[in-house]
Amino acid sequence: MVGIMDKTLNMLETGQKARVIQVRGRGSSRKRLLDMGMVPGTVLSVTKKAPLGDPVDFKLKGYNLSLRKTEAEAVVVEVLED
């Protein structure tokens, strides 16, 4: 369940920072996101978005990661104010 201030990764705009709250889903897709560093507590920022919103590029843990829109929808985040 997404709270009032919580969003999913695909809702963020370029330049926004967020903290991972939860990774939803099951099986290999969820495990893959966790293996790539999308674990609760991780702080990330949106570096680029494609014109149609797919894919989205993030900076986390010292590297860049591109996710499809559907993958980004599985990650619940708390938006951080600068």
PDB file of N, CA and C in Angstrom:
ATOM      1  N   MET A   1       0.852  -1.191   0.000  1.00  0.00           N
ATOM      2  CA  MET A   1       0.000   0.000   0.000  1.00  0.00           C
ATOM      3  C   MET A   1       0.885   1.237   0.000  1.00  0.00           C
ATOM      4  N   VAL A   2       0.617   2.175  -0.883  1.00  0.00           N
ATOM      5  CA  VAL A   2       1.398   3.400  -0.983  1.00  0.00           C
ATOM      6  C   VAL A   2       0.751   4.472  -0.115  1.00  0.00           C
ATOM      7  N   GLY A   3       1.559   5.093   0.767  1.00  0.00           N
ATOM      8  CA  GLY A   3       1.049   6.143   1.649  1.00  0.00           C
ATOM      9  C   GLY A   3       0.895   7.459   0.921  1.00  0.00           C
ATOM     10  N   ILE A   4       0.463   8.474   1.650  1.00  0.00           N
ATOM     11  CA  ILE A   4       0.206   9.785   1.059  1.00  0.00           C
ATOM     12  C   ILE A   4       1.467  10.388   0.451  1.00  0.00           C
ATOM     13  N   MET A   5       2.580  10.316   1.185  1.00  0.00           N
ATOM     14  CA  MET A   5       3.820  10.916   0.699  1.00  0.00           C
ATOM     15  C   MET A   5       4.685   9.922  -0.072  1.00  0.00           C
ATOM     16  N   ASP A   6       4.339   8.650  -0.080  1.00  0.00           N
ATOM     17  CA  ASP A   6       5.123   7.642  -0.776  1.00  0.00           C
ATOM     18  C   ASP A   6       4.707   7.579  -2.244  1.00  0.00           C
ATOM     19  N   LYS A   7       5.689   7.316  -3.072  1.00  0.00           N
ATOM     20  CA  LYS A   7       5.453   7.189  -4.501  1.00  0.00           C
ATOM     21  C   LYS A   7       6.209   5.968  -4.991  1.00  0.00           C
ATOM     22  N   THR A   8       5.982   5.609  -6.239  1.00  0.00           N
ATOM     23  CA  THR A   8       6.814   4.593  -6.858  1.00  0.00           C
ATOM     24  C   THR A   8       7.846   5.295  -7.731  1.00  0.00           C
ATOM     25  N   LEU A   9       8.910   4.596  -8.057  1.00  0.00           N
ATOM     26  CA  LEU A   9      10.025   5.208  -8.788  1.00  0.00           C
ATOM     27  C   LEU A   9       9.608   5.863 -10.103  1.00  0.00           C
ATOM     28  N   ASN A  10       8.652   5.281 -10.787  1.00  0.00           N
ATOM     29  CA  ASN A  10       8.250   5.830 -12.082  1.00  0.00           C
ATOM     30  C   ASN A  10       7.558   7.186 -11.956  1.00  0.00           C
ATOM     31  N   MET A  11       7.122   7.573 -10.751  1.00  0.00           N
ATOM     32  CA  MET A  11       6.439   8.854 -10.532  1.00  0.00           C
ATOM     33  C   MET A  11       7.408  10.013 -10.304  1.00  0.00           C
ATOM     34  N   LEU A  12       8.677   9.715 -10.073  1.00  0.00           N
ATOM     35  CA  LEU A  12       9.642  10.768  -9.768  1.00  0.00           C
ATOM     36  C   LEU A  12      10.042  11.532 -11.023  1.00  0.00           C
ATOM     37  N   GLU A  13      10.424  12.784 -10.809  1.00  0.00           N
ATOM     38  CA  GLU A  13      10.902  13.632 -11.905  1.00  0.00           C
ATOM     39  C   GLU A  13      12.425  13.685 -11.884  1.00  0.00           C
ATOM     40  N   THR A  14      13.025  14.055 -13.004  1.00  0.00           N
ATOM     41  CA  THR A  14      14.469  14.179 -13.097  1.00  0.00           C
ATOM     42  C   THR A  14      14.983  15.136 -12.021  1.00  0.00           C
ATOM     43  N   GLY A  15      16.020  14.705 -11.311  1.00  0.00           N
ATOM     44  CA  GLY A  15      16.624  15.521 -10.258  1.00  0.00           C
ATOM     45  C   GLY A  15      16.100  15.220  -8.861  1.00  0.00           C
ATOM     46  N   GLN A  16      14.959  14.545  -8.743  1.00  0.00           N
ATOM     47  CA  GLN A  16      14.411  14.245  -7.425  1.00  0.00           C
ATOM     48  C   GLN A  16      15.210  13.142  -6.744  1.00  0.00           C
ATOM     49  N   LYS A  17      15.277  13.241  -5.412  1.00  0.00           N
ATOM     50  CA  LYS A  17      15.928  12.217  -4.606  1.00  0.00           C
ATOM     51  C   LYS A  17      14.867  11.494  -3.797  1.00  0.00           C
ATOM     52  N   ALA A  18      15.146  10.221  -3.521  1.00  0.00           N
ATOM     53  CA  ALA A  18      14.184   9.412  -2.771  1.00  0.00           C
ATOM     54  C   ALA A  18      14.913   8.309  -2.018  1.00  0.00           C
ATOM     55  N   ARG A  19      14.209   7.759  -1.034  1.00  0.00           N
ATOM     56  CA  ARG A  19      14.703   6.617  -0.258  1.00  0.00           C
ATOM     57  C   ARG A  19      13.778   5.434  -0.525  1.00  0.00           C
ATOM     58  N   VAL A  20      14.371   4.295  -0.807  1.00  0.00           N
ATOM     59  CA  VAL A  20      13.589   3.086  -1.063  1.00  0.00           C
ATOM     60  C   VAL A  20      12.920   2.639   0.234  1.00  0.00           C
ATOM     61  N   ILE A  21      11.607   2.399   0.169  1.00  0.00           N
ATOM     62  CA  ILE A  21      10.828   1.933   1.310  1.00  0.00           C
ATOM     63  C   ILE A  21      10.534   0.438   1.179  1.00  0.00           C
ATOM     64  N   GLN A  22      10.148   0.026  -0.025  1.00  0.00           N
ATOM     65  CA  GLN A  22       9.710  -1.352  -0.225  1.00  0.00           C
ATOM     66  C   GLN A  22       9.858  -1.736  -1.686  1.00  0.00           C
ATOM     67  N   VAL A  23      10.179  -3.001  -1.921  1.00  0.00           N
ATOM     68  CA  VAL A  23      10.187  -3.550  -3.280  1.00  0.00           C
ATOM     69  C   VAL A  23       9.061  -4.568  -3.336  1.00  0.00           C
ATOM     70  N   ARG A  24       8.072  -4.260  -4.174  1.00  0.00           N
ATOM     71  CA  ARG A  24       6.908  -5.148  -4.302  1.00  0.00           C
ATOM     72  C   ARG A  24       7.173  -6.188  -5.380  1.00  0.00           C
ATOM     73  N   GLY A  25       6.302  -7.153  -5.441  1.00  0.00           N
ATOM     74  CA  GLY A  25       6.419  -8.187  -6.458  1.00  0.00           C
ATOM     75  C   GLY A  25       6.885  -9.494  -5.851  1.00  0.00           C
ATOM     76  N   ARG A  26       7.052 -10.457  -6.721  1.00  0.00           N
ATOM     77  CA  ARG A  26       7.446 -11.791  -6.287  1.00  0.00           C
ATOM     78  C   ARG A  26       8.474 -12.368  -7.257  1.00  0.00           C
ATOM     79  N   GLY A  27       9.155 -13.361  -6.778  1.00  0.00           N
ATOM     80  CA  GLY A  27      10.014 -14.160  -7.646  1.00  0.00           C
ATOM     81  C   GLY A  27      11.240 -13.454  -8.166  1.00  0.00           C
ATOM     82  N   SER A  28      11.621 -13.831  -9.372  1.00  0.00           N
ATOM     83  CA  SER A  28      12.894 -13.389  -9.943  1.00  0.00           C
ATOM     84  C   SER A  28      12.951 -11.883 -10.214  1.00  0.00           C
ATOM     85  N   SER A  29      11.836 -11.266 -10.572  1.00  0.00           N
ATOM     86  CA  SER A  29      11.874  -9.823 -10.844  1.00  0.00           C
ATOM     87  C   SER A  29      12.163  -9.033  -9.568  1.00  0.00           C
ATOM     88  N   ARG A  30      11.566  -9.432  -8.454  1.00  0.00           N
ATOM     89  CA  ARG A  30      11.827  -8.768  -7.175  1.00  0.00           C
ATOM     90  C   ARG A  30      13.270  -9.016  -6.734  1.00  0.00           C
ATOM     91  N   LYS A  31      13.735 -10.252  -6.862  1.00  0.00           N
ATOM     92  CA  LYS A  31      15.097 -10.591  -6.475  1.00  0.00           C
ATOM     93  C   LYS A  31      16.098  -9.809  -7.307  1.00  0.00           C
ATOM     94  N   ARG A  32      15.820  -9.656  -8.580  1.00  0.00           N
ATOM     95  CA  ARG A  32      16.714  -8.906  -9.474  1.00  0.00           C
ATOM     96  C   ARG A  32      16.845  -7.450  -9.021  1.00  0.00           C
ATOM     97  N   LEU A  33      15.715  -6.809  -8.671  1.00  0.00           N
ATOM     98  CA  LEU A  33      15.756  -5.426  -8.190  1.00  0.00           C
ATOM     99  C   LEU A  33      16.555  -5.321  -6.888  1.00  0.00           C
ATOM    100  N   LEU A  34      16.351  -6.267  -5.976  1.00  0.00           N
ATOM    101  CA  LEU A  34      17.099  -6.262  -4.723  1.00  0.00           C
ATOM    102  C   LEU A  34      18.596  -6.459  -4.981  1.00  0.00           C
ATOM    103  N   ASP A  35      18.937  -7.355  -5.896  1.00  0.00           N
ATOM    104  CA  ASP A  35      20.338  -7.610  -6.237  1.00  0.00           C
ATOM    105  C   ASP A  35      21.014  -6.394  -6.855  1.00  0.00           C
ATOM    106  N   MET A  36      20.236  -5.551  -7.528  1.00  0.00           N
ATOM    107  CA  MET A  36      20.789  -4.344  -8.155  1.00  0.00           C
ATOM    108  C   MET A  36      20.911  -3.188  -7.170  1.00  0.00           C
ATOM    109  N   GLY A  37      20.540  -3.397  -5.910  1.00  0.00           N
ATOM    110  CA  GLY A  37      20.717  -2.362  -4.903  1.00  0.00           C
ATOM    111  C   GLY A  37      19.466  -1.646  -4.477  1.00  0.00           C
ATOM    112  N   MET A  38      18.326  -2.055  -4.983  1.00  0.00           N
ATOM    113  CA  MET A  38      17.058  -1.418  -4.602  1.00  0.00           C
ATOM    114  C   MET A  38      16.542  -2.016  -3.287  1.00  0.00           C
ATOM    115  N   VAL A  39      17.345  -1.883  -2.243  1.00  0.00           N
ATOM    116  CA  VAL A  39      16.967  -2.418  -0.934  1.00  0.00           C
ATOM    117  C   VAL A  39      16.439  -1.280  -0.068  1.00  0.00           C
ATOM    118  N   PRO A  40      15.534  -1.583   0.859  1.00  0.00           N
ATOM    119  CA  PRO A  40      15.002  -0.536   1.736  1.00  0.00           C
ATOM    120  C   PRO A  40      16.121   0.251   2.421  1.00  0.00           C
ATOM    121  N   GLY A  41      15.963   1.579   2.408  1.00  0.00           N
ATOM    122  CA  GLY A  41      16.951   2.476   3.003  1.00  0.00           C
ATOM    123  C   GLY A  41      17.899   3.103   2.003  1.00  0.00           C
ATOM    124  N   THR A  42      17.988   2.552   0.816  1.00  0.00           N
ATOM    125  CA  THR A  42      18.888   3.084  -0.211  1.00  0.00           C
ATOM    126  C   THR A  42      18.381   4.439  -0.716  1.00  0.00           C
ATOM    127  N   VAL A  43      19.285   5.429  -0.768  1.00  0.00           N
ATOM    128  CA  VAL A  43      18.955   6.752  -1.300  1.00  0.00           C
ATOM    129  C   VAL A  43      19.398   6.792  -2.753  1.00  0.00           C
ATOM    130  N   LEU A  44      18.532   7.310  -3.616  1.00  0.00           N
ATOM    131  CA  LEU A  44      18.843   7.396  -5.044  1.00  0.00           C
ATOM    132  C   LEU A  44      18.334   8.704  -5.611  1.00  0.00           C
ATOM    133  N   SER A  45      18.784   9.016  -6.819  1.00  0.00           N
ATOM    134  CA  SER A  45      18.274  10.196  -7.517  1.00  0.00           C
ATOM    135  C   SER A  45      17.986   9.821  -8.965  1.00  0.00           C
ATOM    136  N   VAL A  46      17.037  10.547  -9.554  1.00  0.00           N
ATOM    137  CA  VAL A  46      16.676  10.325 -10.955  1.00  0.00           C
ATOM    138  C   VAL A  46      17.597  11.188 -11.800  1.00  0.00           C
ATOM    139  N   THR A  47      18.364  10.563 -12.687  1.00  0.00           N
ATOM    140  CA  THR A  47      19.298  11.328 -13.521  1.00  0.00           C
ATOM    141  C   THR A  47      18.730  11.655 -14.894  1.00  0.00           C
ATOM    142  N   LYS A  48      17.935  10.727 -15.474  1.00  0.00           N
ATOM    143  CA  LYS A  48      17.359  10.964 -16.802  1.00  0.00           C
ATOM    144  C   LYS A  48      16.063  10.192 -16.947  1.00  0.00           C
ATOM    145  N   LYS A  49      15.174  10.742 -17.765  1.00  0.00           N
ATOM    146  CA  LYS A  49      13.953  10.032 -18.160  1.00  0.00           C
ATOM    147  C   LYS A  49      13.833  10.135 -19.667  1.00  0.00           C
ATOM    148  N   ALA A  50      13.489   9.034 -20.291  1.00  0.00           N
ATOM    149  CA  ALA A  50      13.258   9.055 -21.731  1.00  0.00           C
ATOM    150  C   ALA A  50      12.006   9.885 -22.013  1.00  0.00           C
ATOM    151  N   PRO A  51      11.886  10.443 -23.211  1.00  0.00           N
ATOM    152  CA  PRO A  51      10.740  11.296 -23.528  1.00  0.00           C
ATOM    153  C   PRO A  51       9.377  10.677 -23.229  1.00  0.00           C
ATOM    154  N   LEU A  52       9.231   9.390 -23.427  1.00  0.00           N
ATOM    155  CA  LEU A  52       7.950   8.737 -23.150  1.00  0.00           C
ATOM    156  C   LEU A  52       7.941   8.074 -21.772  1.00  0.00           C
ATOM    157  N   GLY A  53       8.979   8.350 -20.964  1.00  0.00           N
ATOM    158  CA  GLY A  53       9.027   7.836 -19.599  1.00  0.00           C
ATOM    159  C   GLY A  53       9.581   6.428 -19.452  1.00  0.00           C
ATOM    160  N   ASP A  54      10.123   5.861 -20.508  1.00  0.00           N
ATOM    161  CA  ASP A  54      10.626   4.494 -20.440  1.00  0.00           C
ATOM    162  C   ASP A  54      11.867   4.366 -21.302  1.00  0.00           C
ATOM    163  N   PRO A  55      13.034   4.120 -20.790  1.00  0.00           N
ATOM    164  CA  PRO A  55      13.387   3.796 -19.413  1.00  0.00           C
ATOM    165  C   PRO A  55      13.684   5.043 -18.580  1.00  0.00           C
ATOM    166  N   VAL A  56      13.954   4.799 -17.294  1.00  0.00           N
ATOM    167  CA  VAL A  56      14.323   5.856 -16.352  1.00  0.00           C
ATOM    168  C   VAL A  56      15.694   5.502 -15.797  1.00  0.00           C
ATOM    169  N   ASP A  57      16.599   6.505 -15.728  1.00  0.00           N
ATOM    170  CA  ASP A  57      17.944   6.280 -15.208  1.00  0.00           C
ATOM    171  C   ASP A  57      18.062   6.824 -13.798  1.00  0.00           C
ATOM    172  N   PHE A  58      18.696   6.039 -12.931  1.00  0.00           N
ATOM    173  CA  PHE A  58      18.878   6.395 -11.527  1.00  0.00           C
ATOM    174  C   PHE A  58      20.349   6.325 -11.156  1.00  0.00           C
ATOM    175  N   LYS A  59      20.716   7.106 -10.151  1.00  0.00           N
ATOM    176  CA  LYS A  59      22.060   7.033  -9.574  1.00  0.00           C
ATOM    177  C   LYS A  59      21.893   6.535  -8.151  1.00  0.00           C
ATOM    178  N   LEU A  60      22.523   5.409  -7.839  1.00  0.00           N
ATOM    179  CA  LEU A  60      22.469   4.862  -6.492  1.00  0.00           C
ATOM    180  C   LEU A  60      23.729   4.077  -6.211  1.00  0.00           C
ATOM    181  N   LYS A  61      24.177   4.136  -4.978  1.00  0.00           N
ATOM    182  CA  LYS A  61      25.333   3.364  -4.521  1.00  0.00           C
ATOM    183  C   LYS A  61      26.534   3.499  -5.451  1.00  0.00           C
ATOM    184  N   GLY A  62      26.735   4.680  -6.025  1.00  0.00           N
ATOM    185  CA  GLY A  62      27.910   4.937  -6.856  1.00  0.00           C
ATOM    186  C   GLY A  62      27.835   4.452  -8.292  1.00  0.00           C
ATOM    187  N   TYR A  63      26.668   4.028  -8.757  1.00  0.00           N
ATOM    188  CA  TYR A  63      26.552   3.621 -10.157  1.00  0.00           C
ATOM    189  C   TYR A  63      25.215   4.049 -10.729  1.00  0.00           C
ATOM    190  N   ASN A  64      25.113   3.988 -12.052  1.00  0.00           N
ATOM    191  CA  ASN A  64      23.875   4.350 -12.752  1.00  0.00           C
ATOM    192  C   ASN A  64      23.121   3.075 -13.107  1.00  0.00           C
ATOM    193  N   LEU A  65      21.802   3.156 -12.990  1.00  0.00           N
ATOM    194  CA  LEU A  65      20.933   2.020 -13.246  1.00  0.00           C
ATOM    195  C   LEU A  65      19.752   2.489 -14.084  1.00  0.00           C
ATOM    196  N   SER A  66      19.457   1.763 -15.147  1.00  0.00           N
ATOM    197  CA  SER A  66      18.283   2.048 -15.978  1.00  0.00           C
ATOM    198  C   SER A  66      17.239   0.972 -15.732  1.00  0.00           C
ATOM    199  N   LEU A  67      15.996   1.429 -15.508  1.00  0.00           N
ATOM    200  CA  LEU A  67      14.893   0.500 -15.296  1.00  0.00           C
ATOM    201  C   LEU A  67      13.756   0.808 -16.248  1.00  0.00           C
ATOM    202  N   ARG A  68      13.058  -0.217 -16.661  1.00  0.00           N
ATOM    203  CA  ARG A  68      11.832  -0.017 -17.430  1.00  0.00           C
ATOM    204  C   ARG A  68      10.771   0.545 -16.502  1.00  0.00           C
ATOM    205  N   LYS A  69       9.793   1.183 -17.092  1.00  0.00           N
ATOM    206  CA  LYS A  69       8.705   1.782 -16.319  1.00  0.00           C
ATOM    207  C   LYS A  69       8.005   0.739 -15.444  1.00  0.00           C
ATOM    208  N   THR A  70       7.772  -0.431 -15.980  1.00  0.00           N
ATOM    209  CA  THR A  70       7.087  -1.476 -15.216  1.00  0.00           C
ATOM    210  C   THR A  70       7.923  -1.951 -14.028  1.00  0.00           C
ATOM    211  N   GLU A  71       9.244  -1.983 -14.191  1.00  0.00           N
ATOM    212  CA  GLU A  71      10.122  -2.355 -13.078  1.00  0.00           C
ATOM    213  C   GLU A  71      10.108  -1.268 -12.007  1.00  0.00           C
ATOM    214  N   ALA A  72      10.131  -0.014 -12.448  1.00  0.00           N
ATOM    215  CA  ALA A  72      10.151   1.111 -11.511  1.00  0.00           C
ATOM    216  C   ALA A  72       8.859   1.194 -10.697  1.00  0.00           C
ATOM    217  N   GLU A  73       7.761   0.719 -11.250  1.00  0.00           N
ATOM    218  CA  GLU A  73       6.482   0.731 -10.538  1.00  0.00           C
ATOM    219  C   GLU A  73       6.478  -0.208  -9.334  1.00  0.00           C
ATOM    220  N   ALA A  74       7.413  -1.150  -9.280  1.00  0.00           N
ATOM    221  CA  ALA A  74       7.462  -2.117  -8.189  1.00  0.00           C
ATOM    222  C   ALA A  74       8.227  -1.599  -6.967  1.00  0.00           C
ATOM    223  N   VAL A  75       8.872  -0.431  -7.098  1.00  0.00           N
ATOM    224  CA  VAL A  75       9.692   0.092  -6.001  1.00  0.00           C
ATOM    225  C   VAL A  75       8.996   1.298  -5.368  1.00  0.00           C
ATOM    226  N   VAL A  76       8.612   1.159  -4.099  1.00  0.00           N
ATOM    227  CA  VAL A  76       7.957   2.228  -3.351  1.00  0.00           C
ATOM    228  C   VAL A  76       9.039   3.059  -2.671  1.00  0.00           C
ATOM    229  N   VAL A  77       8.970   4.378  -2.839  1.00  0.00           N
ATOM    230  CA  VAL A  77       9.983   5.266  -2.286  1.00  0.00           C
ATOM    231  C   VAL A  77       9.341   6.407  -1.491  1.00  0.00           C
ATOM    232  N   GLU A  78      10.162   7.002  -0.638  1.00  0.00           N
ATOM    233  CA  GLU A  78       9.789   8.218   0.092  1.00  0.00           C
ATOM    234  C   GLU A  78      10.595   9.349  -0.542  1.00  0.00           C
ATOM    235  N   VAL A  79       9.930  10.375  -1.040  1.00  0.00           N
ATOM    236  CA  VAL A  79      10.612  11.492  -1.672  1.00  0.00           C
ATOM    237  C   VAL A  79      11.345  12.302  -0.617  1.00  0.00           C
ATOM    238  N   LEU A  80      12.596  12.653  -0.907  1.00  0.00           N
ATOM    239  CA  LEU A  80      13.413  13.442   0.014  1.00  0.00           C
ATOM    240  C   LEU A  80      13.487  14.873  -0.495  1.00  0.00           C
ATOM    241  N   GLU A  81      13.353  15.813   0.421  1.00  0.00           N
ATOM    242  CA  GLU A  81      13.490  17.231   0.063  1.00  0.00           C
ATOM    243  C   GLU A  81      14.962  17.605   0.165  1.00  0.00           C
ATOM    244  N   ASP A  82      15.436  18.427  -0.760  1.00  0.00           N
ATOM    245  CA  ASP A  82      16.859  18.842  -0.755  1.00  0.00           C
ATOM    246  C   ASP A  82      17.173  19.761   0.366  1.00  0.00           C
TER     247      ASP A  82
END
